[in-house]
Amino acid sequence: MAMGKIKDCSEVVSKLYEFLDGELTEERKLVIREHLDECSPCLEAFEFETELRAMVSSKSREICPEHLKNKIADLINVNERNPQSSSE
């Protein structure tokens, strides 16, 4: 694929996750950044994905209550001691 300007917004939107994850080449990131600077709808999609990732990341850092950790560990231990037969 040529590394000129991107005219197809669907191409940019399809690459947003790779762009946000840093999985694109520097040249490709530059081309997408230039498109985002010139295209309000794509920039809005980018900003939405960025905010969504930040929110999910902050929520996933919440501490699991100790009683829940213990309950899960107990269930794992019970399953390890008494595995169910797959033929049942």
C-alpha atoms as a PDB file:
ATOM      1  CA  MET A   1       0.000   0.000   0.000  1.00  0.00           C
ATOM      2  CA  ALA A   2       1.383   3.412  -0.936  1.00  0.00           C
ATOM      3  CA  MET A   3       2.234   5.708   1.953  1.00  0.00           C
ATOM      4  CA  GLY A   4       0.541   8.812   0.558  1.00  0.00           C
ATOM      5  CA  LYS A   5      -2.367  10.632   2.134  1.00  0.00           C
ATOM      6  CA  ILE A   6      -5.302   8.513   3.210  1.00  0.00           C
ATOM      7  CA  LYS A   7      -8.573   9.567   1.627  1.00  0.00           C
ATOM      8  CA  ASP A   8     -10.683   6.658   2.876  1.00  0.00           C
ATOM      9  CA  CYS A   9     -11.837   7.266   6.439  1.00  0.00           C
ATOM     10  CA  SER A  10     -12.751   3.600   6.901  1.00  0.00           C
ATOM     11  CA  GLU A  11      -9.066   2.747   6.471  1.00  0.00           C
ATOM     12  CA  VAL A  12      -8.116   5.139   9.279  1.00  0.00           C
ATOM     13  CA  VAL A  13     -10.870   3.906  11.574  1.00  0.00           C
ATOM     14  CA  SER A  14      -9.854   0.288  10.916  1.00  0.00           C
ATOM     15  CA  LYS A  15      -6.276   1.131  11.972  1.00  0.00           C
ATOM     16  CA  LEU A  16      -7.133   3.083  15.141  1.00  0.00           C
ATOM     17  CA  TYR A  17      -6.477   0.161  17.491  1.00  0.00           C
ATOM     18  CA  GLU A  18      -3.119  -0.558  15.893  1.00  0.00           C
ATOM     19  CA  PHE A  19      -2.332   3.168  16.038  1.00  0.00           C
ATOM     20  CA  LEU A  20      -3.260   3.384  19.730  1.00  0.00           C
ATOM     21  CA  ASP A  21      -1.324   0.193  20.516  1.00  0.00           C
ATOM     22  CA  GLY A  22       1.811   1.520  18.796  1.00  0.00           C
ATOM     23  CA  GLU A  23       1.818  -1.375  16.325  1.00  0.00           C
ATOM     24  CA  LEU A  24       2.288   0.703  13.165  1.00  0.00           C
ATOM     25  CA  THR A  25       5.485   1.834  11.523  1.00  0.00           C
ATOM     26  CA  GLU A  26       6.540   5.413  12.171  1.00  0.00           C
ATOM     27  CA  GLU A  27       5.715   6.290   8.576  1.00  0.00           C
ATOM     28  CA  ARG A  28       2.226   4.789   8.847  1.00  0.00           C
ATOM     29  CA  LYS A  29       1.596   6.547  12.177  1.00  0.00           C
ATOM     30  CA  LEU A  30       2.555   9.848  10.565  1.00  0.00           C
ATOM     31  CA  VAL A  31       0.140   9.296   7.662  1.00  0.00           C
ATOM     32  CA  ILE A  32      -2.701   8.463  10.052  1.00  0.00           C
ATOM     33  CA  ARG A  33      -1.842  11.409  12.334  1.00  0.00           C
ATOM     34  CA  GLU A  34      -1.960  13.740   9.314  1.00  0.00           C
ATOM     35  CA  HIS A  35      -5.391  12.377   8.376  1.00  0.00           C
ATOM     36  CA  LEU A  36      -6.644  12.819  11.948  1.00  0.00           C
ATOM     37  CA  ASP A  37      -5.422  16.422  11.912  1.00  0.00           C
ATOM     38  CA  GLU A  38      -7.463  17.109   8.779  1.00  0.00           C
ATOM     39  CA  CYS A  39     -10.592  15.003   9.349  1.00  0.00           C
ATOM     40  CA  SER A  40     -12.938  15.902  12.204  1.00  0.00           C
ATOM     41  CA  PRO A  41     -15.047  12.706  12.091  1.00  0.00           C
ATOM     42  CA  CYS A  42     -11.961  10.484  12.274  1.00  0.00           C
ATOM     43  CA  LEU A  43     -10.483  12.649  15.019  1.00  0.00           C
ATOM     44  CA  GLU A  44     -13.718  12.283  16.993  1.00  0.00           C
ATOM     45  CA  ALA A  45     -13.548   8.491  16.593  1.00  0.00           C
ATOM     46  CA  PHE A  46      -9.913   8.561  17.736  1.00  0.00           C
ATOM     47  CA  GLU A  47     -10.746  10.697  20.772  1.00  0.00           C
ATOM     48  CA  PHE A  48     -13.655   8.424  21.672  1.00  0.00           C
ATOM     49  CA  GLU A  49     -11.437   5.320  21.524  1.00  0.00           C
ATOM     50  CA  THR A  50      -8.737   7.071  23.545  1.00  0.00           C
ATOM     51  CA  GLU A  51     -11.223   8.073  26.264  1.00  0.00           C
ATOM     52  CA  LEU A  52     -12.816   4.622  26.269  1.00  0.00           C
ATOM     53  CA  ARG A  53      -9.433   2.954  26.748  1.00  0.00           C
ATOM     54  CA  ALA A  54      -8.558   5.329  29.587  1.00  0.00           C
ATOM     55  CA  MET A  55     -11.865   4.624  31.322  1.00  0.00           C
ATOM     56  CA  VAL A  56     -11.544   0.846  30.939  1.00  0.00           C
ATOM     57  CA  SER A  57      -7.959   0.998  32.138  1.00  0.00           C
ATOM     58  CA  SER A  58      -8.843   3.027  35.224  1.00  0.00           C
ATOM     59  CA  LYS A  59     -11.773   0.750  36.081  1.00  0.00           C
ATOM     60  CA  SER A  60      -9.692  -2.393  35.662  1.00  0.00           C
ATOM     61  CA  ARG A  61      -7.246  -1.144  38.276  1.00  0.00           C
ATOM     62  CA  GLU A  62      -9.805  -1.266  41.051  1.00  0.00           C
ATOM     63  CA  ILE A  63      -8.730  -3.515  43.881  1.00  0.00           C
ATOM     64  CA  CYS A  64     -10.525  -6.801  44.265  1.00  0.00           C
ATOM     65  CA  PRO A  65     -11.906  -7.223  47.801  1.00  0.00           C
ATOM     66  CA  GLU A  66      -9.945  -9.709  49.893  1.00  0.00           C
ATOM     67  CA  HIS A  67     -13.047 -11.815  50.635  1.00  0.00           C
ATOM     68  CA  LEU A  68     -13.641 -12.253  46.905  1.00  0.00           C
ATOM     69  CA  LYS A  69     -10.022 -13.324  46.326  1.00  0.00           C
ATOM     70  CA  ASN A  70     -10.364 -15.866  49.146  1.00  0.00           C
ATOM     71  CA  LYS A  71     -13.644 -17.217  47.774  1.00  0.00           C
ATOM     72  CA  ILE A  72     -12.136 -17.683  44.319  1.00  0.00           C
ATOM     73  CA  ALA A  73      -9.050 -19.391  45.786  1.00  0.00           C
ATOM     74  CA  ASP A  74     -11.279 -21.710  47.829  1.00  0.00           C
ATOM     75  CA  LEU A  75     -13.293 -22.652  44.749  1.00  0.00           C
ATOM     76  CA  ILE A  76     -10.108 -23.371  42.813  1.00  0.00           C
ATOM     77  CA  ASN A  77      -8.800 -25.550  45.631  1.00  0.00           C
ATOM     78  CA  VAL A  78     -12.088 -27.477  45.850  1.00  0.00           C
ATOM     79  CA  ASN A  79     -12.027 -28.095  42.093  1.00  0.00           C
ATOM     80  CA  GLU A  80      -8.421 -29.270  42.245  1.00  0.00           C
ATOM     81  CA  ARG A  81      -9.220 -31.730  45.055  1.00  0.00           C
ATOM     82  CA  ASN A  82     -12.492 -32.969  43.562  1.00  0.00           C
ATOM     83  CA  PRO A  83     -12.275 -32.721  39.772  1.00  0.00           C
ATOM     84  CA  GLN A  84     -15.514 -33.697  38.071  1.00  0.00           C
ATOM     85  CA  SER A  85     -15.369 -36.497  35.607  1.00  0.00           C
ATOM     86  CA  SER A  86     -16.011 -35.356  32.046  1.00  0.00           C
ATOM     87  CA  SER A  87     -18.169 -38.453  31.480  1.00  0.00           C
ATOM     88  CA  GLU A  88     -20.813 -37.300  33.990  1.00  0.00           C
END
